[in-house]
Protein backbone atom coordinates (compact mmCIF):
# COMPACT_ATOMS: atom_id res chain seq x y z
CA UNK A 1 0.00 0.00 0.00
CA UNK A 2 1.37 3.39 -0.89
CA UNK A 3 1.37 6.25 1.59
CA UNK A 4 -0.67 9.43 1.15
CA UNK A 5 -0.52 12.82 2.83
CA UNK A 6 -3.78 14.06 4.30
CA UNK A 7 -5.03 17.63 4.31
CA UNK A 8 -3.91 17.93 7.95
CA UNK A 9 -0.40 18.49 6.53
CA UNK A 10 1.19 21.67 7.91
CA UNK A 11 3.66 21.92 4.98
CA UNK A 12 6.67 21.61 7.26
CA UNK A 13 8.65 19.70 4.63
CA UNK A 14 10.11 17.13 7.06
CA UNK A 15 8.97 14.21 4.89
CA UNK A 16 10.34 15.27 1.51
CA UNK A 17 14.09 14.70 2.08
CA UNK A 18 13.40 11.37 3.81
CA UNK A 19 11.88 9.70 0.74
CA UNK A 20 14.41 7.41 -0.98
CA UNK A 21 12.29 7.35 -4.16
CA UNK A 22 11.78 11.11 -4.40
CA UNK A 23 8.03 10.44 -4.41
CA UNK A 24 7.11 13.41 -2.18
CA UNK A 25 6.65 16.88 -3.61
CA UNK A 26 5.77 20.30 -2.26
CA UNK A 27 2.27 21.60 -2.92
CA UNK A 28 1.77 22.88 -6.48
CA UNK A 29 5.18 21.53 -7.61
CA UNK A 30 5.56 19.92 -11.03
CA UNK A 31 7.29 16.54 -10.87
CA UNK A 32 8.86 13.81 -13.02
CA UNK A 33 9.10 10.03 -12.73
CA UNK A 34 12.85 10.41 -13.34
CA UNK A 35 13.32 12.57 -10.20
CA UNK A 36 15.46 10.51 -7.81
CA UNK A 37 15.17 7.31 -9.87
CA UNK A 38 17.08 5.67 -12.74
CA UNK A 39 14.06 5.98 -15.05
CA UNK A 40 14.57 7.85 -18.31
CA UNK A 41 12.61 8.29 -21.53
CA UNK A 42 9.53 6.22 -22.29
CA UNK A 43 8.91 3.50 -19.71
CA UNK A 44 6.12 1.11 -18.83
CA UNK A 45 5.39 1.34 -15.11
CA UNK A 46 4.76 -1.83 -13.10
CA UNK A 47 1.03 -1.02 -13.20
CA UNK A 48 1.14 -1.11 -17.02
CA UNK A 49 0.88 2.64 -17.60
CA UNK A 50 3.27 4.04 -20.24
CA UNK A 51 4.89 7.39 -19.39
CA UNK A 52 7.79 9.56 -20.41
CA UNK A 53 9.88 9.60 -17.23
CA UNK A 54 11.49 12.94 -18.14
CA UNK A 55 8.24 14.78 -18.86
CA UNK A 56 6.92 17.25 -16.28
CA UNK A 57 3.70 16.11 -14.62
CA UNK A 58 1.01 18.28 -13.04
CA UNK A 59 1.01 18.60 -9.24
CA UNK A 60 -1.36 16.24 -7.43
CA UNK A 61 -2.24 18.87 -4.82
CA UNK A 62 -2.12 22.68 -4.67
CA UNK A 63 -2.48 22.99 -0.90
CA UNK A 64 -0.22 20.44 0.80
CA UNK A 65 2.71 18.14 0.09
CA UNK A 66 1.74 15.08 -1.95
CA UNK A 67 3.05 11.59 -2.68
CA UNK A 68 3.16 9.99 -6.11
CA UNK A 69 1.74 6.50 -5.53
CA UNK A 70 3.52 5.10 -8.61
CA UNK A 71 6.84 6.04 -6.98
CA UNK A 72 6.01 5.15 -3.35
CA UNK A 73 7.36 1.83 -2.08
CA UNK A 74 6.70 2.50 1.62
CA UNK A 75 10.52 2.57 1.82
CA UNK A 76 10.68 -1.20 1.13
CA UNK A 77 14.21 -2.08 0.09
CA UNK A 78 15.59 0.90 2.00
CA UNK A 79 14.11 1.05 5.53
CA UNK A 80 11.97 -1.02 7.89
CA UNK A 81 9.16 1.57 7.93
CA UNK A 82 7.96 4.49 5.81
CA UNK A 83 10.28 7.34 6.70
CA UNK A 84 7.75 10.06 5.86
CA UNK A 85 5.38 8.70 8.52
CA UNK A 86 8.24 8.30 11.00
CA UNK A 87 9.22 11.99 10.82
CA UNK A 88 5.81 13.63 10.32
CA UNK A 89 5.05 15.81 13.36
CA UNK A 90 1.27 15.72 12.76
CA UNK A 91 0.86 12.09 11.64
CA UNK A 92 -0.61 12.98 8.26
CA UNK A 93 1.42 10.41 6.26
CA UNK A 94 -0.97 7.46 6.32
CA UNK A 95 -1.65 4.30 4.28
CA UNK A 96 -3.44 5.00 1.00
CA UNK A 97 -6.37 2.57 0.91
CA UNK A 98 -6.81 3.26 -2.82
CA UNK A 99 -3.31 1.94 -3.59
CA UNK A 100 -2.94 -1.36 -1.74
CA UNK A 101 0.16 -3.36 -2.69
CA UNK A 102 1.88 -6.39 -1.18
CA UNK A 103 5.43 -6.27 0.17
CA UNK A 104 6.55 -8.24 -2.91
CA UNK A 105 4.95 -5.71 -5.28
CA UNK A 106 6.51 -2.81 -3.37
CA UNK A 107 9.97 -4.42 -3.53
CA UNK A 108 9.56 -5.06 -7.27
CA UNK A 109 8.58 -1.40 -7.73
CA UNK A 110 11.65 -0.32 -5.75
CA UNK A 111 13.90 -2.39 -8.01
CA UNK A 112 12.16 -1.02 -11.10
CA UNK A 113 12.69 2.58 -9.94
CA UNK A 114 16.36 2.00 -9.11
CA UNK A 115 17.71 -0.32 -11.81
CA UNK A 116 21.46 -0.72 -11.69
């Protein structure tokens, strides 16, 4: 399951530098799949969606920090727990019920995002 940031976010920014996948962005910030990953050019994501990893994407939220579910691995392959949730002072980094994934799927996504 990916993590999401709720609207209780106070925009402190503590979570953003903790994400090993660079899946967290400041409110209203454009983003790319290639940010903080080895992805480049046209790629097929593990969910089957085809994207250009270097193309700017629209922000997911204008008010608070947001997490890109296609880049979130709950820190699997890096840490024992999601680091965004561990450092959030207001506990607004919570499981995203709309993006449930098994540990195996999350690890496969982590390897996909960080190919050697």
